[in-house]
Amino acid sequence: MSKIIVTEKQLEDIVKMVKENNEQGSYMAKQQLFTIATLAYKMWEQMPEEEQLEDWMESKIAQCEQSVIAVVKTYLYNEVNDDIKGMDTLNYNDIVIGK
């Protein structure tokens, strides 16, 4: 996986955009998603490739990954237009995110 570099200005712009979008609804969900993404990226960035975490930490990360995947798949499913030909045969449980 390649590293993604975000400048302080880009981060400020993202925070500003998130704050503006929060006024339009789903305030807590968007704020929580931003926090998860920001902290996860920061940890990923600082953690050496060969570092081993404690078992409980790895378990929590695995649980979080499965929870986020479940939410994203459901969100994507609900956003699909049923009129699109072939979409009714798509199995969303077969979608792999981030692998």
C-alpha atoms as a PDB file:
ATOM      1  CA  MET A   1       0.000   0.000   0.000  1.00  0.00           C
ATOM      2  CA  SER A   2       1.409   3.375  -0.926  1.00  0.00           C
ATOM      3  CA  LYS A   3       1.450   6.236   1.521  1.00  0.00           C
ATOM      4  CA  ILE A   4      -0.943   9.110   1.171  1.00  0.00           C
ATOM      5  CA  ILE A   5       0.531  12.464   2.078  1.00  0.00           C
ATOM      6  CA  VAL A   6      -1.837  15.172   3.242  1.00  0.00           C
ATOM      7  CA  THR A   7      -0.583  18.695   3.804  1.00  0.00           C
ATOM      8  CA  GLU A   8      -1.761  20.770   6.742  1.00  0.00           C
ATOM      9  CA  LYS A   9      -3.673  22.995   4.303  1.00  0.00           C
ATOM     10  CA  GLN A  10      -5.448  19.989   2.795  1.00  0.00           C
ATOM     11  CA  LEU A  11      -6.326  18.730   6.285  1.00  0.00           C
ATOM     12  CA  GLU A  12      -7.700  22.166   7.197  1.00  0.00           C
ATOM     13  CA  ASP A  13      -9.789  22.150   4.003  1.00  0.00           C
ATOM     14  CA  ILE A  14     -11.131  18.690   4.852  1.00  0.00           C
ATOM     15  CA  VAL A  15     -12.036  19.767   8.380  1.00  0.00           C
ATOM     16  CA  LYS A  16     -13.761  22.871   7.019  1.00  0.00           C
ATOM     17  CA  MET A  17     -15.696  20.797   4.477  1.00  0.00           C
ATOM     18  CA  VAL A  18     -16.753  18.295   7.145  1.00  0.00           C
ATOM     19  CA  LYS A  19     -17.942  21.086   9.418  1.00  0.00           C
ATOM     20  CA  GLU A  20     -19.959  22.655   6.581  1.00  0.00           C
ATOM     21  CA  ASN A  21     -21.495  19.311   5.628  1.00  0.00           C
ATOM     22  CA  ASN A  22     -22.383  18.600   9.238  1.00  0.00           C
ATOM     23  CA  GLU A  23     -24.981  21.339   9.042  1.00  0.00           C
ATOM     24  CA  GLN A  24     -26.824  19.293   6.410  1.00  0.00           C
ATOM     25  CA  GLY A  25     -27.488  16.228   8.610  1.00  0.00           C
ATOM     26  CA  SER A  26     -25.841  13.063   9.949  1.00  0.00           C
ATOM     27  CA  TYR A  27     -23.697  15.268  12.146  1.00  0.00           C
ATOM     28  CA  MET A  28     -22.530  12.563  14.510  1.00  0.00           C
ATOM     29  CA  ALA A  29     -21.906   9.938  11.836  1.00  0.00           C
ATOM     30  CA  LYS A  30     -19.789  12.266   9.710  1.00  0.00           C
ATOM     31  CA  GLN A  31     -17.850  13.493  12.725  1.00  0.00           C
ATOM     32  CA  GLN A  32     -17.233   9.940  13.916  1.00  0.00           C
ATOM     33  CA  LEU A  33     -16.177   8.766  10.448  1.00  0.00           C
ATOM     34  CA  PHE A  34     -13.739  11.655  10.216  1.00  0.00           C
ATOM     35  CA  THR A  35     -12.293  10.823  13.633  1.00  0.00           C
ATOM     36  CA  ILE A  36     -11.941   7.123  12.760  1.00  0.00           C
ATOM     37  CA  ALA A  37     -10.305   7.889   9.412  1.00  0.00           C
ATOM     38  CA  THR A  38      -7.938  10.493  10.827  1.00  0.00           C
ATOM     39  CA  LEU A  39      -6.788   8.458  13.818  1.00  0.00           C
ATOM     40  CA  ALA A  40      -6.508   5.216  11.860  1.00  0.00           C
ATOM     41  CA  TYR A  41      -4.427   6.918   9.188  1.00  0.00           C
ATOM     42  CA  LYS A  42      -2.182   8.553  11.793  1.00  0.00           C
ATOM     43  CA  MET A  43      -1.574   5.207  13.508  1.00  0.00           C
ATOM     44  CA  TRP A  44      -0.998   3.460  10.164  1.00  0.00           C
ATOM     45  CA  GLU A  45       1.471   6.149   9.169  1.00  0.00           C
ATOM     46  CA  GLN A  46       3.512   5.932  12.391  1.00  0.00           C
ATOM     47  CA  MET A  47       3.433   2.162  12.892  1.00  0.00           C
ATOM     48  CA  PRO A  48       6.460   0.307  11.519  1.00  0.00           C
ATOM     49  CA  GLU A  49       5.561  -2.479   9.070  1.00  0.00           C
ATOM     50  CA  GLU A  50       7.016  -5.230  11.297  1.00  0.00           C
ATOM     51  CA  GLU A  51       5.546  -4.013  14.607  1.00  0.00           C
ATOM     52  CA  GLN A  52       3.341  -6.458  16.477  1.00  0.00           C
ATOM     53  CA  LEU A  53       0.427  -5.122  18.494  1.00  0.00           C
ATOM     54  CA  GLU A  54      -1.008  -6.719  21.593  1.00  0.00           C
ATOM     55  CA  ASP A  55      -3.678  -9.342  20.891  1.00  0.00           C
ATOM     56  CA  TRP A  56      -6.503  -7.212  22.297  1.00  0.00           C
ATOM     57  CA  MET A  57      -5.482  -4.320  20.021  1.00  0.00           C
ATOM     58  CA  GLU A  58      -5.492  -6.511  16.922  1.00  0.00           C
ATOM     59  CA  SER A  59      -8.885  -7.900  17.941  1.00  0.00           C
ATOM     60  CA  LYS A  60     -10.390  -4.423  18.322  1.00  0.00           C
ATOM     61  CA  ILE A  61      -9.002  -3.349  14.938  1.00  0.00           C
ATOM     62  CA  ALA A  62     -10.430  -6.481  13.275  1.00  0.00           C
ATOM     63  CA  GLN A  63     -13.841  -5.871  14.879  1.00  0.00           C
ATOM     64  CA  CYS A  64     -13.793  -2.248  13.779  1.00  0.00           C
ATOM     65  CA  GLU A  65     -12.864  -3.242  10.224  1.00  0.00           C
ATOM     66  CA  GLN A  66     -15.770  -5.681  10.015  1.00  0.00           C
ATOM     67  CA  SER A  67     -18.187  -3.116  11.461  1.00  0.00           C
ATOM     68  CA  VAL A  68     -17.110  -0.397   9.029  1.00  0.00           C
ATOM     69  CA  ILE A  69     -17.287  -2.810   6.076  1.00  0.00           C
ATOM     70  CA  ALA A  70     -20.825  -3.830   7.070  1.00  0.00           C
ATOM     71  CA  VAL A  71     -21.939  -0.194   7.288  1.00  0.00           C
ATOM     72  CA  VAL A  72     -20.295   0.766   3.976  1.00  0.00           C
ATOM     73  CA  LYS A  73     -21.812  -2.201   2.142  1.00  0.00           C
ATOM     74  CA  THR A  74     -25.275  -1.383   3.484  1.00  0.00           C
ATOM     75  CA  TYR A  75     -24.840   2.307   2.682  1.00  0.00           C
ATOM     76  CA  LEU A  76     -23.738   1.488  -0.873  1.00  0.00           C
ATOM     77  CA  TYR A  77     -26.595  -0.976  -1.273  1.00  0.00           C
ATOM     78  CA  ASN A  78     -29.126   1.622  -0.194  1.00  0.00           C
ATOM     79  CA  GLU A  79     -27.652   4.138  -2.655  1.00  0.00           C
ATOM     80  CA  VAL A  80     -28.009   1.811  -5.652  1.00  0.00           C
ATOM     81  CA  ASN A  81     -30.684   2.652  -8.152  1.00  0.00           C
ATOM     82  CA  ASP A  82     -32.762  -0.485  -8.652  1.00  0.00           C
ATOM     83  CA  ASP A  83     -33.434   0.522 -12.247  1.00  0.00           C
ATOM     84  CA  ILE A  84     -29.831  -0.111 -13.260  1.00  0.00           C
ATOM     85  CA  LYS A  85     -29.787  -3.334 -15.270  1.00  0.00           C
ATOM     86  CA  GLY A  86     -27.942  -6.168 -13.551  1.00  0.00           C
ATOM     87  CA  MET A  87     -27.684  -4.504 -10.164  1.00  0.00           C
ATOM     88  CA  ASP A  88     -30.367  -6.789  -8.739  1.00  0.00           C
ATOM     89  CA  THR A  89     -28.037  -9.772  -9.199  1.00  0.00           C
ATOM     90  CA  LEU A  90     -25.073  -8.128  -7.466  1.00  0.00           C
ATOM     91  CA  ASN A  91     -24.211  -9.796  -4.151  1.00  0.00           C
ATOM     92  CA  TYR A  92     -22.925  -7.060  -1.849  1.00  0.00           C
ATOM     93  CA  ASN A  93     -21.500  -9.641   0.543  1.00  0.00           C
ATOM     94  CA  ASP A  94     -18.970 -10.532  -2.154  1.00  0.00           C
ATOM     95  CA  ILE A  95     -17.594  -6.996  -2.300  1.00  0.00           C
ATOM     96  CA  VAL A  96     -14.136  -6.773  -0.747  1.00  0.00           C
ATOM     97  CA  ILE A  97     -13.109  -3.370   0.560  1.00  0.00           C
ATOM     98  CA  GLY A  98      -9.483  -2.540   1.219  1.00  0.00           C
ATOM     99  CA  LYS A  99      -7.886  -5.861   0.301  1.00  0.00           C
END
